[in-house]
N, C-alpha and C. Protein backbone atom coordinates (compact mmCIF):
# COMPACT_ATOMS: atom_id res chain seq x y z
N MET A 1 136.61 59.30 -91.19
CA MET A 1 136.06 60.43 -90.53
C MET A 1 134.92 61.04 -91.51
N ILE A 2 133.79 61.55 -90.77
CA ILE A 2 133.05 62.14 -91.52
C ILE A 2 133.51 63.79 -91.50
N LYS A 3 132.97 64.17 -92.65
CA LYS A 3 133.95 65.75 -92.48
C LYS A 3 132.63 66.58 -92.71
N LEU A 4 132.27 67.49 -91.87
CA LEU A 4 131.15 68.52 -92.16
C LEU A 4 131.50 69.92 -91.71
N SER A 5 130.66 70.60 -91.89
CA SER A 5 130.51 72.12 -91.74
C SER A 5 129.68 72.55 -91.03
N ILE A 6 130.13 73.32 -89.94
CA ILE A 6 128.99 73.90 -89.01
C ILE A 6 129.18 75.57 -89.27
N ASP A 7 128.08 76.14 -89.45
CA ASP A 7 128.22 77.89 -89.45
C ASP A 7 128.01 78.30 -87.99
N PRO A 8 129.03 79.12 -87.58
CA PRO A 8 129.08 79.47 -86.11
C PRO A 8 127.98 80.72 -85.80
N ARG A 9 127.17 81.23 -86.95
CA ARG A 9 126.42 82.45 -86.63
C ARG A 9 125.02 82.18 -86.31
N ARG A 10 124.32 81.09 -86.11
CA ARG A 10 122.99 80.91 -85.82
C ARG A 10 122.70 79.82 -84.82
N LEU A 11 121.73 79.79 -84.40
CA LEU A 11 120.94 79.12 -83.08
C LEU A 11 121.29 79.42 -81.82
N SER A 12 121.42 78.37 -80.95
CA SER A 12 121.13 78.67 -79.58
C SER A 12 122.54 78.76 -78.92
N ILE A 13 122.44 78.74 -77.66
CA ILE A 13 123.64 79.02 -76.78
C ILE A 13 124.61 77.69 -77.09
N LYS A 14 124.34 76.48 -77.28
CA LYS A 14 124.73 75.37 -77.32
C LYS A 14 125.87 75.44 -78.66
N SER A 15 124.83 75.93 -79.62
CA SER A 15 125.66 76.33 -81.00
C SER A 15 126.74 77.00 -80.89
N VAL A 16 126.52 78.16 -80.37
CA VAL A 16 127.45 79.41 -80.20
C VAL A 16 128.43 78.64 -79.44
N ALA A 17 128.21 78.31 -78.35
CA ALA A 17 129.58 77.46 -77.50
C ALA A 17 130.15 76.69 -78.10
N LEU A 18 129.70 75.79 -78.96
CA LEU A 18 130.76 74.86 -79.48
C LEU A 18 131.26 75.69 -80.75
N SER A 19 130.87 76.54 -81.76
CA SER A 19 131.31 77.15 -82.55
C SER A 19 132.60 77.92 -81.88
N LEU A 20 132.43 78.58 -80.70
CA LEU A 20 133.28 79.37 -79.96
C LEU A 20 134.58 78.34 -79.82
N VAL A 21 134.28 77.27 -79.24
CA VAL A 21 135.20 76.44 -78.83
C VAL A 21 136.25 75.96 -80.20
N MET A 22 135.32 75.60 -81.14
CA MET A 22 135.74 75.44 -82.58
C MET A 22 136.99 76.59 -83.02
N MET A 23 136.27 77.75 -83.01
CA MET A 23 137.06 78.79 -83.62
C MET A 23 138.35 79.18 -82.69
N ALA A 24 138.21 78.96 -81.47
CA ALA A 24 139.53 79.11 -80.59
C ALA A 24 140.47 77.98 -80.75
N LEU A 25 140.21 76.76 -81.40
CA LEU A 25 140.67 75.65 -81.48
C LEU A 25 141.53 75.87 -82.87
N ALA A 26 140.68 76.45 -83.85
CA ALA A 26 141.29 76.96 -85.22
C ALA A 26 142.31 78.19 -84.93
N THR A 27 142.32 79.02 -84.08
CA THR A 27 143.18 80.13 -84.18
C THR A 27 144.27 79.67 -83.13
N GLY A 28 143.98 79.02 -82.30
CA GLY A 28 145.04 79.05 -81.33
C GLY A 28 145.58 77.49 -80.90
N CYS A 29 145.38 76.75 -81.72
CA CYS A 29 145.98 75.39 -81.70
C CYS A 29 146.28 74.74 -83.28
N THR A 30 146.87 73.51 -83.12
CA THR A 30 147.47 73.02 -84.37
C THR A 30 146.52 71.71 -84.44
N LYS A 31 146.45 71.32 -85.74
CA LYS A 31 145.13 70.29 -85.92
C LYS A 31 145.53 68.86 -85.03
N ALA A 32 144.42 68.53 -84.69
CA ALA A 32 144.70 67.27 -83.76
C ALA A 32 145.27 66.32 -84.85
N LYS A 33 146.31 65.73 -83.99
CA LYS A 33 146.68 64.61 -84.60
C LYS A 33 145.88 63.19 -84.69
N ASP A 34 145.27 62.95 -83.62
CA ASP A 34 144.82 61.92 -83.52
C ASP A 34 143.35 61.67 -83.43
N SER A 35 142.40 61.46 -84.55
CA SER A 35 141.16 61.92 -84.52
C SER A 35 140.56 60.31 -84.23
N LYS A 36 139.63 60.34 -83.39
CA LYS A 36 138.86 59.14 -83.24
C LYS A 36 138.03 58.60 -84.38
N PRO A 37 137.97 57.14 -84.46
CA PRO A 37 137.00 56.70 -85.78
C PRO A 37 135.92 57.15 -85.76
N VAL A 38 135.13 56.96 -86.56
CA VAL A 38 133.49 57.36 -86.78
C VAL A 38 132.84 56.11 -86.38
N GLU A 39 131.90 56.05 -85.70
CA GLU A 39 131.19 54.66 -85.01
C GLU A 39 130.20 54.51 -86.29
N HIS A 40 129.82 55.86 -87.07
CA HIS A 40 129.00 55.29 -88.05
C HIS A 40 129.14 56.16 -89.24
N GLY A 41 129.80 55.60 -90.28
CA GLY A 41 129.86 56.41 -91.26
C GLY A 41 128.80 57.47 -91.83
N ALA A 42 128.75 58.45 -92.71
CA ALA A 42 127.92 59.15 -93.19
C ALA A 42 126.83 58.24 -93.87
N ASP A 43 127.15 57.32 -94.39
CA ASP A 43 126.04 56.31 -95.10
C ASP A 43 125.11 55.67 -93.99
N GLU A 44 125.72 55.58 -92.78
CA GLU A 44 125.18 54.88 -91.64
C GLU A 44 124.29 55.73 -90.59
N ILE A 45 124.36 57.03 -90.78
CA ILE A 45 123.64 57.70 -90.02
C ILE A 45 122.36 57.82 -90.57
N PHE A 46 121.25 57.69 -89.29
CA PHE A 46 120.00 57.62 -89.87
C PHE A 46 119.06 58.48 -89.11
N ALA A 47 117.75 58.65 -89.56
CA ALA A 47 116.63 59.51 -88.75
C ALA A 47 116.63 58.90 -87.63
N GLY A 48 116.51 59.52 -86.46
CA GLY A 48 116.23 58.76 -85.24
C GLY A 48 117.27 58.42 -84.32
N MET A 49 118.70 58.79 -85.24
CA MET A 49 119.71 58.45 -84.48
C MET A 49 120.03 59.57 -83.52
N CYS A 50 120.68 59.34 -82.16
CA CYS A 50 120.71 60.41 -81.18
C CYS A 50 122.26 60.18 -80.90
N PHE A 51 122.89 61.36 -80.91
CA PHE A 51 124.09 61.59 -80.50
C PHE A 51 124.87 62.64 -79.90
N ASN A 52 125.84 62.59 -78.98
CA ASN A 52 126.31 63.74 -78.66
C ASN A 52 127.15 64.91 -79.28
N ASP A 53 127.26 65.92 -78.57
CA ASP A 53 127.96 67.01 -79.36
C ASP A 53 129.27 66.63 -79.19
N ALA A 54 130.02 67.20 -80.40
CA ALA A 54 131.54 66.71 -80.61
C ALA A 54 132.24 67.57 -79.50
N SER A 55 133.40 66.75 -79.07
CA SER A 55 134.35 67.38 -78.05
C SER A 55 135.88 67.60 -79.03
N PRO A 56 136.34 68.61 -78.30
CA PRO A 56 137.75 69.17 -79.00
C PRO A 56 138.50 67.72 -79.55
N GLU A 57 138.50 66.78 -78.33
CA GLU A 57 139.43 65.56 -78.73
C GLU A 57 138.71 64.50 -79.87
N ASP A 58 137.57 64.92 -80.16
CA ASP A 58 136.68 64.17 -81.39
C ASP A 58 136.77 64.65 -82.57
N THR A 59 137.53 65.92 -82.84
CA THR A 59 137.52 66.61 -83.89
C THR A 59 138.53 67.05 -84.53
N GLU A 60 138.92 67.45 -85.69
CA GLU A 60 140.01 68.06 -86.29
C GLU A 60 139.53 69.28 -87.00
N VAL A 61 140.19 70.49 -86.69
CA VAL A 61 139.49 71.50 -87.14
C VAL A 61 140.42 72.33 -88.26
N ASN A 62 140.19 72.48 -89.33
CA ASN A 62 140.73 73.07 -90.27
C ASN A 62 140.92 74.40 -90.15
N GLU A 63 142.08 74.71 -90.19
CA GLU A 63 142.61 76.30 -89.91
C GLU A 63 142.24 77.48 -90.89
N ASP A 64 142.20 76.76 -91.85
CA ASP A 64 142.16 77.71 -93.04
C ASP A 64 140.73 77.94 -93.59
N ALA A 65 139.61 77.08 -92.90
CA ALA A 65 138.39 77.25 -92.97
C ALA A 65 137.55 77.88 -91.80
N GLY A 66 138.11 78.86 -90.94
CA GLY A 66 137.78 79.17 -89.93
C GLY A 66 137.46 78.20 -88.64
N SER A 67 136.06 78.27 -88.59
CA SER A 67 135.73 77.49 -87.38
C SER A 67 135.04 76.17 -88.04
N SER A 68 135.41 75.86 -89.19
CA SER A 68 134.42 74.83 -89.92
C SER A 68 135.38 73.17 -89.11
N ILE A 69 134.41 72.32 -88.70
CA ILE A 69 134.93 71.03 -88.61
C ILE A 69 135.32 70.07 -89.36
N THR A 70 136.38 69.70 -89.72
CA THR A 70 136.83 68.86 -90.83
C THR A 70 136.49 67.23 -90.34
N ASN A 71 136.65 67.07 -89.22
CA ASN A 71 136.80 65.77 -88.85
C ASN A 71 135.55 65.60 -87.53
N LEU A 72 134.62 64.91 -87.63
CA LEU A 72 133.76 64.80 -86.46
C LEU A 72 133.21 63.43 -86.50
N ALA A 73 133.57 62.95 -85.44
CA ALA A 73 133.25 61.81 -85.06
C ALA A 73 131.64 61.56 -84.37
N ILE A 74 130.90 60.85 -85.04
CA ILE A 74 129.50 60.77 -84.63
C ILE A 74 129.20 59.34 -84.09
N GLU A 75 128.93 59.09 -82.70
CA GLU A 75 128.70 57.96 -82.08
C GLU A 75 127.20 57.77 -81.97
N SER A 76 126.54 56.68 -82.26
CA SER A 76 124.93 56.46 -82.05
C SER A 76 124.86 56.19 -80.68
N LEU A 77 123.96 56.72 -80.14
CA LEU A 77 123.36 56.54 -78.69
C LEU A 77 121.90 56.02 -78.74
N ALA A 78 121.61 55.29 -77.73
CA ALA A 78 120.40 55.06 -77.35
C ALA A 78 119.35 56.26 -77.16
N CYS A 79 118.36 56.61 -77.85
CA CYS A 79 117.59 57.66 -77.38
C CYS A 79 117.18 58.13 -75.86
N ASP A 80 116.97 56.81 -75.18
CA ASP A 80 116.42 57.15 -74.03
C ASP A 80 117.97 57.02 -72.81
N ALA A 81 118.80 56.84 -73.55
CA ALA A 81 120.14 57.36 -72.51
C ALA A 81 120.59 58.80 -72.80
N ALA A 82 121.25 59.43 -71.83
CA ALA A 82 121.41 60.90 -72.00
C ALA A 82 122.33 61.22 -73.29
N HIS A 83 121.67 62.21 -74.08
CA HIS A 83 122.38 62.68 -75.16
C HIS A 83 122.17 63.96 -75.42
N ASP A 84 122.86 64.55 -76.73
CA ASP A 84 122.46 65.94 -76.86
C ASP A 84 121.76 66.29 -77.67
N ASN A 85 121.65 65.50 -79.14
CA ASN A 85 121.15 65.80 -80.35
C ASN A 85 120.28 64.56 -81.01
N GLU A 86 119.43 64.69 -81.91
CA GLU A 86 118.73 63.38 -82.44
C GLU A 86 118.76 63.92 -84.04
N VAL A 87 118.92 63.47 -84.95
CA VAL A 87 118.96 63.39 -86.38
C VAL A 87 117.69 63.03 -86.56
N TYR A 88 116.78 64.21 -87.41
CA TYR A 88 115.61 63.88 -87.73
C TYR A 88 115.37 63.96 -89.23
N TYR A 89 116.29 64.21 -89.86
CA TYR A 89 116.08 64.37 -91.45
C TYR A 89 117.49 64.15 -92.25
N ILE A 90 117.44 63.41 -93.12
CA ILE A 90 118.94 63.44 -94.03
C ILE A 90 118.51 63.84 -95.42
N HIS A 91 119.17 64.90 -95.83
CA HIS A 91 118.90 65.53 -97.21
C HIS A 91 119.97 65.04 -98.09
N ALA A 92 119.62 64.07 -99.19
CA ALA A 92 121.02 63.65 -100.27
C ALA A 92 121.25 65.09 -101.06
N LEU A 93 122.46 65.41 -101.18
CA LEU A 93 122.80 66.62 -101.90
C LEU A 93 123.11 66.26 -103.24
N PRO A 94 122.37 67.29 -104.34
CA PRO A 94 122.48 67.08 -105.63
C PRO A 94 124.11 67.44 -106.16
N ALA A 95 124.60 66.97 -107.09
CA ALA A 95 125.87 67.38 -107.67
C ALA A 95 126.45 68.93 -107.74
N THR A 96 125.19 69.55 -108.00
CA THR A 96 125.35 70.93 -108.07
C THR A 96 125.68 71.71 -106.59
N ALA A 97 125.62 70.89 -105.67
CA ALA A 97 125.77 71.47 -104.40
C ALA A 97 127.42 71.38 -104.17
N GLN A 98 128.09 70.89 -104.68
CA GLN A 98 129.45 70.91 -104.54
C GLN A 98 130.11 72.36 -104.45
N ALA A 99 129.92 73.18 -105.67
CA ALA A 99 130.34 74.37 -106.05
C ALA A 99 130.04 75.39 -104.48
N ARG A 100 128.87 74.95 -103.87
CA ARG A 100 128.20 76.04 -103.07
C ARG A 100 128.45 75.84 -101.64
N LEU A 101 129.39 74.48 -101.13
CA LEU A 101 129.35 73.83 -100.07
C LEU A 101 129.86 74.96 -98.88
N GLU A 102 130.68 75.47 -98.90
CA GLU A 102 131.31 76.58 -98.08
C GLU A 102 130.82 77.79 -98.06
N THR A 103 129.71 78.27 -98.46
CA THR A 103 128.96 79.41 -98.75
C THR A 103 128.12 79.70 -97.57
N PRO A 104 127.99 80.96 -97.01
CA PRO A 104 126.75 81.28 -96.39
C PRO A 104 125.37 81.04 -97.05
N GLU A 105 125.38 81.23 -98.14
CA GLU A 105 123.85 80.77 -98.80
C GLU A 105 123.67 79.44 -98.68
N PHE A 106 124.63 78.48 -98.95
CA PHE A 106 124.52 77.31 -98.82
C PHE A 106 123.92 76.89 -97.50
N PHE A 107 124.69 77.27 -96.64
CA PHE A 107 124.29 77.15 -95.05
C PHE A 107 122.62 77.45 -94.86
N GLU A 108 122.29 78.70 -95.47
CA GLU A 108 121.06 79.15 -95.40
C GLU A 108 119.87 78.13 -95.89
N ASP A 109 120.43 77.81 -96.96
CA ASP A 109 119.60 77.01 -97.94
C ASP A 109 119.30 75.52 -97.15
N MET A 110 120.64 74.86 -96.54
CA MET A 110 120.18 73.79 -95.87
C MET A 110 119.32 73.97 -94.49
N LEU A 111 119.48 75.08 -93.68
CA LEU A 111 118.68 75.59 -92.52
C LEU A 111 117.42 75.54 -93.06
N ASP A 112 117.02 76.03 -94.09
CA ASP A 112 115.53 76.26 -94.53
C ASP A 112 114.89 74.72 -94.93
N ILE A 113 115.70 73.80 -95.57
CA ILE A 113 115.40 72.42 -95.68
C ILE A 113 115.11 71.73 -94.32
N CYS A 114 116.16 71.72 -93.46
CA CYS A 114 115.80 71.31 -92.30
C CYS A 114 114.50 71.73 -91.54
N GLU A 115 114.43 73.15 -91.66
CA GLU A 115 113.21 73.87 -90.83
C GLU A 115 111.72 72.94 -91.70
N ASP A 116 112.05 73.08 -92.86
CA ASP A 116 111.00 72.53 -93.55
C ASP A 116 110.40 70.95 -93.09
N GLU A 117 111.42 70.24 -92.55
CA GLU A 117 111.39 68.78 -92.65
C GLU A 117 110.96 68.46 -90.87
N PHE A 118 111.20 69.59 -90.28
CA PHE A 118 111.11 69.28 -88.58
C PHE A 118 109.64 69.00 -88.34
N LYS A 119 108.54 69.50 -88.81
CA LYS A 119 107.44 69.31 -88.36
C LYS A 119 107.05 67.71 -88.66
N ASP A 120 107.55 67.45 -89.66
CA ASP A 120 107.21 66.05 -90.17
C ASP A 120 107.62 64.84 -88.82
N TYR A 121 108.73 65.17 -88.36
CA TYR A 121 109.47 64.36 -87.18
C TYR A 121 109.03 65.00 -85.92
N ILE A 122 109.18 66.05 -85.49
CA ILE A 122 108.86 66.54 -83.78
C ILE A 122 107.66 66.28 -84.03
N GLY A 123 106.61 66.82 -84.97
CA GLY A 123 105.22 66.85 -84.90
C GLY A 123 104.91 68.60 -84.40
N LYS A 124 105.75 69.55 -84.72
CA LYS A 124 105.37 70.73 -84.42
C LYS A 124 106.30 71.80 -85.38
N GLU A 125 105.66 72.66 -85.89
CA GLU A 125 106.59 73.33 -86.77
C GLU A 125 107.59 74.18 -85.87
N TYR A 126 108.77 74.25 -86.53
CA TYR A 126 110.11 74.54 -85.69
C TYR A 126 109.87 76.09 -85.13
N GLN A 127 109.14 77.22 -85.96
CA GLN A 127 109.03 78.22 -85.24
C GLN A 127 108.03 78.48 -84.08
N LYS A 128 107.34 77.44 -83.89
CA LYS A 128 106.54 76.95 -82.66
C LYS A 128 106.98 76.09 -81.57
N SER A 129 108.03 75.36 -81.90
CA SER A 129 108.44 74.38 -81.13
C SER A 129 109.52 74.77 -80.05
N PHE A 130 109.50 73.95 -78.92
CA PHE A 130 110.31 74.31 -77.83
C PHE A 130 111.83 73.99 -78.41
N TYR A 131 112.04 72.96 -79.30
CA TYR A 131 113.43 72.76 -79.58
C TYR A 131 114.14 73.17 -80.53
N GLU A 132 115.56 73.32 -80.74
CA GLU A 132 115.99 74.02 -81.76
C GLU A 132 116.53 72.95 -82.65
N MET A 133 117.18 73.61 -83.87
CA MET A 133 117.62 72.69 -84.69
C MET A 133 119.14 73.17 -85.63
N SER A 134 119.59 72.35 -86.14
CA SER A 134 120.80 72.63 -86.97
C SER A 134 121.08 71.86 -87.75
N VAL A 135 122.13 71.89 -88.72
CA VAL A 135 122.59 70.99 -89.94
C VAL A 135 124.01 70.81 -89.84
N LEU A 136 124.32 69.64 -90.25
CA LEU A 136 125.85 69.46 -90.38
C LEU A 136 125.76 68.86 -91.80
N PHE A 137 126.82 69.27 -92.65
CA PHE A 137 127.03 69.06 -93.90
C PHE A 137 128.31 69.02 -94.61
N PRO A 138 128.64 68.40 -95.74
CA PRO A 138 130.29 68.28 -95.98
C PRO A 138 130.93 69.25 -96.27
N THR A 139 132.20 69.44 -96.10
CA THR A 139 133.37 70.33 -96.46
C THR A 139 133.63 69.75 -97.96
N SER A 140 134.23 70.77 -98.70
CA SER A 140 134.75 70.27 -100.05
C SER A 140 135.42 68.91 -100.07
N GLU A 141 136.62 68.93 -99.03
CA GLU A 141 137.10 68.05 -98.78
C GLU A 141 136.44 66.71 -98.69
N SER A 142 135.36 66.81 -97.86
CA SER A 142 134.80 65.56 -97.52
C SER A 142 133.82 64.98 -98.78
N TRP A 143 133.47 66.11 -99.51
CA TRP A 143 132.51 65.60 -100.53
C TRP A 143 133.30 64.67 -101.17
N GLU A 144 134.50 64.95 -101.52
CA GLU A 144 135.35 63.96 -102.43
C GLU A 144 135.75 62.84 -102.29
N GLN A 145 135.39 62.63 -100.94
CA GLN A 145 135.64 61.31 -100.20
C GLN A 145 134.07 60.64 -100.20
N GLY A 146 133.06 61.29 -100.80
CA GLY A 146 131.70 60.68 -100.73
C GLY A 146 130.78 61.03 -100.04
N HIS A 147 131.04 61.98 -98.94
CA HIS A 147 130.11 62.29 -97.96
C HIS A 147 129.23 63.46 -98.51
N LYS A 148 127.93 62.88 -98.89
CA LYS A 148 127.03 64.02 -99.75
C LYS A 148 125.55 64.16 -99.49
N GLN A 149 125.44 64.42 -97.91
CA GLN A 149 124.39 64.50 -97.21
C GLN A 149 124.44 65.74 -96.41
N ALA A 150 123.15 66.35 -96.08
CA ALA A 150 123.11 67.09 -95.18
C ALA A 150 122.42 66.59 -93.97
N ILE A 151 122.89 66.54 -92.82
CA ILE A 151 122.05 65.95 -91.85
C ILE A 151 121.51 67.02 -90.68
N CYS A 152 120.07 66.83 -90.68
CA CYS A 152 119.26 67.72 -89.74
C CYS A 152 119.14 67.21 -88.58
N TYR A 153 119.63 67.92 -87.48
CA TYR A 153 119.33 67.31 -85.94
C TYR A 153 118.60 68.65 -85.01
N ALA A 154 118.28 68.02 -83.95
CA ALA A 154 117.48 68.63 -83.02
C ALA A 154 117.87 68.48 -81.67
N PHE A 155 117.72 69.57 -80.78
CA PHE A 155 118.52 69.53 -79.58
C PHE A 155 117.70 70.37 -78.58
N HIS A 156 117.86 70.19 -77.39
CA HIS A 156 117.40 71.22 -76.29
C HIS A 156 118.08 72.46 -76.23
N PRO A 157 116.96 73.57 -76.44
CA PRO A 157 117.42 75.10 -76.44
C PRO A 157 118.49 75.42 -75.48
N GLU A 158 118.56 74.92 -74.22
CA GLU A 158 119.53 75.19 -73.16
C GLU A 158 120.58 74.40 -73.14
N ALA A 159 120.71 73.23 -74.51
CA ALA A 159 121.96 72.30 -74.16
C ALA A 159 122.01 71.29 -73.15
N ASP A 160 120.61 71.17 -72.64
CA ASP A 160 120.19 70.40 -71.58
C ASP A 160 120.65 68.90 -72.04
N LYS A 161 120.55 67.88 -71.34
CA LYS A 161 120.82 66.31 -71.99
C LYS A 161 119.28 65.96 -72.25
N LEU A 162 119.02 65.30 -73.32
CA LEU A 162 117.82 64.81 -73.32
C LEU A 162 117.99 63.26 -73.10
N ASP A 163 116.79 62.69 -72.55
CA ASP A 163 116.77 61.00 -72.32
C ASP A 163 115.70 60.63 -72.79
N TYR A 164 115.35 61.18 -73.77
CA TYR A 164 114.09 60.34 -74.49
C TYR A 164 113.89 60.78 -76.11
N PRO A 165 113.36 60.11 -76.92
CA PRO A 165 113.27 60.58 -78.20
C PRO A 165 112.58 61.65 -78.76
N LEU A 166 112.92 62.74 -79.52
CA LEU A 166 111.93 63.69 -80.14
C LEU A 166 111.02 63.61 -81.07
N LYS A 167 110.90 62.09 -81.50
CA LYS A 167 110.16 61.76 -82.81
C LYS A 167 108.61 61.87 -82.21
N GLY A 168 107.72 62.82 -82.83
CA GLY A 168 106.33 62.75 -82.57
C GLY A 168 106.19 63.48 -81.30
N ILE A 169 107.37 64.28 -80.53
CA ILE A 169 107.07 64.90 -79.27
C ILE A 169 106.08 66.01 -79.24
N LYS A 170 105.71 66.97 -80.49
CA LYS A 170 104.72 67.79 -80.31
C LYS A 170 105.19 68.74 -79.59
N LYS A 171 106.16 69.10 -79.35
CA LYS A 171 106.42 70.26 -78.18
C LYS A 171 107.46 71.39 -79.07
């Protein structure tokens, strides 16, 4: 499983809703026992890959880490099929990142990197774009398993499904 962390404090309605679901799972449920396998390992995720939001049955929530998603199955979809998100940049994390993985400062730093890379892929600066973005990154546990990348992805601001690629869309 890919183990990533998502900060619930930022971004659109979709991000807030997903975070609230994850927080509810973290506070009201036990850990999922049957996680689905990842269709793509962390090394197989690529810029231009489209995927859907995680559903509760596809995640395992670490109750000790608040709303942190500890297991996230990411299945690649064709970008001309209905999907929620599109990967636009993958940032290799330096070894020094391990000590900061689960800090708010690290999350903000990763968002800054994703914002800087947004224009190269989408074709318009993030602050002027119609689309939203966020980042997935490893937890301390998944770092030990070799997941050492931050994954920048874009999505519709109202959580509408996309059925087209975002590369070069200039919106």
